[in-house]
Amino acid sequence: MAVLDYTTYDDIRAVLGVSTDELEDVTLALETYATALLLDLEDVDTGLPAAYAGLPGTSRSDAQERFYVTARFFANFAVARQLTSALPLFGPKDITDGKASTSRFSDSPYKETIKRVQAEFDRCRTRLEKAYAGLSAGSYTLTIPTFLSAVSPSTDPVTNT
């Protein structure tokens, strides 16, 4: 499983508010982020990654489409949440072209961003749980056993024929 199975690198960067200069594709392609995403998905349900992989490419039902979209949206925040611990390291204060210098913040201006990413992660996780439950709700069939049934006698009790 790769991060690109669920989302794009540009979507992850958009959540964090950084560019390709600050967070490159090779960094996002690291197995660490794919593993963290897989674990976050399995925290919702261990069968969720297989359910996502088993979705048809086209002509999905409404429940399948909702699950697909919700899983992709959740993946943005799941990977972004993993990256927030390093956000001050790759999110520079400014980049100048004069002598190719970069300055970093001495304090953490990313506290609000980190708090917002965590809040969105929690909200998206709840949505994903509901969408996954809705996906399997349509396939559940209830079979009620028959305990009593009416039986007609083979002869008429009045005429005894």
Protein backbone atom coordinates (compact mmCIF):
# COMPACT_ATOMS: atom_id res chain seq x y z
CA MET A 1 0.00 0.00 0.00
CA ALA A 2 1.26 3.47 -0.87
CA VAL A 3 0.06 6.91 0.14
CA LEU A 4 -0.82 7.56 -3.51
CA ASP A 5 -3.41 4.76 -3.36
CA TYR A 6 -5.48 7.05 -1.13
CA THR A 7 -4.49 10.65 -1.83
CA THR A 8 -2.07 12.90 -3.68
CA TYR A 9 1.02 14.60 -2.39
CA ASP A 10 -0.38 17.99 -3.42
CA ASP A 11 -3.48 17.43 -1.28
CA ILE A 12 -1.32 16.66 1.75
CA ARG A 13 0.77 19.77 1.14
CA ALA A 14 -2.43 21.82 0.81
CA VAL A 15 -3.61 20.65 4.24
CA LEU A 16 -0.32 21.78 5.78
CA GLY A 17 -0.02 24.97 3.73
CA VAL A 18 3.42 24.20 2.32
CA SER A 19 4.80 23.95 -1.19
CA THR A 20 6.91 21.44 -3.09
CA ASP A 21 10.01 23.49 -2.17
CA GLU A 22 9.37 22.82 1.52
CA LEU A 23 8.00 19.27 1.34
CA GLU A 24 9.16 17.22 -1.61
CA ASP A 25 7.48 14.19 -3.15
CA VAL A 26 10.40 11.93 -2.19
CA THR A 27 9.76 12.75 1.47
CA LEU A 28 6.05 11.99 1.19
CA ALA A 29 6.85 8.73 -0.64
CA LEU A 30 8.71 7.35 2.38
CA GLU A 31 7.40 4.07 3.73
CA THR A 32 7.00 5.64 7.16
CA TYR A 33 4.00 7.69 6.01
CA ALA A 34 2.43 4.79 4.13
CA THR A 35 2.73 2.60 7.23
CA ALA A 36 1.30 5.30 9.49
CA LEU A 37 -1.65 5.74 7.12
CA LEU A 38 -2.26 2.00 7.05
CA LEU A 39 -2.24 1.85 10.85
CA ASP A 40 -4.64 4.81 11.09
CA LEU A 41 -7.02 3.09 8.65
CA GLU A 42 -6.78 -0.18 10.56
CA ASP A 43 -7.50 1.66 13.80
CA VAL A 44 -10.94 2.38 12.34
CA ASP A 45 -11.35 -1.27 11.27
CA THR A 46 -8.82 -3.89 10.22
CA GLY A 47 -10.90 -4.74 7.16
CA LEU A 48 -11.05 -1.16 5.92
CA PRO A 49 -7.96 -1.20 3.63
CA ALA A 50 -9.21 -4.38 1.94
CA ALA A 51 -12.68 -2.89 1.53
CA TYR A 52 -11.16 0.21 -0.08
CA ALA A 53 -8.98 -1.86 -2.40
CA GLY A 54 -11.99 -3.98 -3.39
CA LEU A 55 -14.07 -1.03 -4.56
CA PRO A 56 -14.94 -1.02 -8.24
CA GLY A 57 -13.21 1.60 -10.37
CA THR A 58 -16.44 2.88 -11.83
CA SER A 59 -20.18 2.56 -11.24
CA ARG A 60 -20.00 2.53 -7.46
CA SER A 61 -23.14 2.56 -5.35
CA ASP A 62 -23.92 5.65 -3.28
CA ALA A 63 -22.58 3.99 -0.13
CA GLN A 64 -19.42 2.88 -1.93
CA GLU A 65 -18.85 6.35 -3.37
CA ARG A 66 -19.30 7.98 0.04
CA PHE A 67 -16.84 5.51 1.57
CA TYR A 68 -14.34 6.10 -1.26
CA VAL A 69 -14.45 9.89 -0.98
CA THR A 70 -14.36 9.84 2.81
CA ALA A 71 -11.38 7.45 2.92
CA ARG A 72 -9.44 9.67 0.52
CA PHE A 73 -10.23 12.80 2.52
CA PHE A 74 -9.27 11.07 5.78
CA ALA A 75 -5.93 10.04 4.25
CA ASN A 76 -5.00 13.70 3.70
CA PHE A 77 -5.31 14.49 7.38
CA ALA A 78 -3.85 11.19 8.57
CA VAL A 79 -0.59 11.79 6.69
CA ALA A 80 -0.58 15.52 7.51
CA ARG A 81 -0.97 14.67 11.19
CA GLN A 82 2.15 12.51 10.99
CA LEU A 83 4.04 15.38 9.39
CA THR A 84 3.04 17.99 11.98
CA SER A 85 5.82 16.96 14.35
CA ALA A 86 8.38 17.99 11.72
CA LEU A 87 6.44 20.99 10.39
CA PRO A 88 8.76 23.59 12.00
CA LEU A 89 11.73 21.90 10.33
CA PHE A 90 10.47 21.95 6.77
CA GLY A 91 8.21 25.01 6.95
CA PRO A 92 10.62 27.93 6.66
CA LYS A 93 9.86 31.51 7.64
CA ASP A 94 11.15 32.82 4.34
CA ILE A 95 13.23 31.70 1.40
CA THR A 96 15.35 34.26 -0.40
CA ASP A 97 16.92 33.86 -3.78
CA GLY A 98 19.72 36.41 -3.27
CA LYS A 99 22.19 34.11 -1.56
CA ALA A 100 19.93 31.09 -1.42
CA SER A 101 19.24 31.43 2.27
CA THR A 102 16.40 30.11 4.35
CA SER A 103 15.36 31.29 7.80
CA ARG A 104 13.25 29.37 10.25
CA PHE A 105 10.92 30.49 13.01
CA SER A 106 12.47 30.52 16.47
CA ASP A 107 9.10 30.01 18.13
CA SER A 108 6.41 27.62 17.01
CA PRO A 109 3.87 29.50 14.89
CA TYR A 110 2.52 26.16 13.76
CA LYS A 111 0.66 25.42 16.99
CA GLU A 112 -2.66 26.52 15.48
CA THR A 113 -2.01 24.52 12.31
CA ILE A 114 -1.18 21.41 14.32
CA LYS A 115 -4.28 21.85 16.47
CA ARG A 116 -6.48 22.29 13.38
CA VAL A 117 -5.02 19.25 11.59
CA GLN A 118 -5.68 17.11 14.69
CA ALA A 119 -9.27 18.39 14.94
CA GLU A 120 -9.91 17.67 11.26
CA PHE A 121 -8.32 14.23 11.62
CA ASP A 122 -10.71 13.39 14.46
CA ARG A 123 -13.71 14.69 12.51
CA CYS A 124 -12.74 12.79 9.37
CA ARG A 125 -12.18 9.61 11.37
CA THR A 126 -15.75 9.79 12.69
CA ARG A 127 -17.04 10.32 9.15
CA LEU A 128 -14.97 7.38 7.90
CA GLU A 129 -16.33 5.11 10.62
CA LYS A 130 -19.90 6.02 9.59
CA ALA A 131 -19.17 5.61 5.88
CA TYR A 132 -17.56 2.21 6.47
CA ALA A 133 -20.52 1.11 8.59
CA GLY A 134 -22.86 2.30 5.83
CA LEU A 135 -20.88 0.32 3.29
CA SER A 136 -21.40 -2.94 5.13
CA ALA A 137 -24.97 -2.11 6.23
CA GLY A 138 -26.32 -2.71 2.73
CA SER A 139 -24.91 -6.23 2.54
CA TYR A 140 -26.41 -7.46 5.80
CA THR A 141 -29.37 -9.81 5.50
CA LEU A 142 -31.47 -10.87 8.43
CA THR A 143 -32.91 -14.38 8.42
CA ILE A 144 -35.64 -14.97 10.94
CA PRO A 145 -36.21 -18.62 11.83
CA THR A 146 -39.75 -19.98 11.69
CA PHE A 147 -40.84 -21.33 15.06
CA LEU A 148 -44.57 -21.91 14.44
CA SER A 149 -46.58 -22.39 11.29
CA ALA A 150 -50.19 -23.20 10.45
CA VAL A 151 -50.96 -26.68 9.18
CA SER A 152 -54.28 -27.82 7.73
CA PRO A 153 -55.48 -31.33 8.63
CA SER A 154 -55.67 -33.83 5.79
CA THR A 155 -59.34 -34.58 6.57
CA ASP A 156 -62.25 -32.33 7.38
CA PRO A 157 -62.99 -32.70 11.13
CA VAL A 158 -66.75 -32.02 10.63
CA THR A 159 -67.45 -34.50 7.86
CA ASN A 160 -64.48 -36.76 8.56
CA THR A 161 -63.70 -37.04 4.89
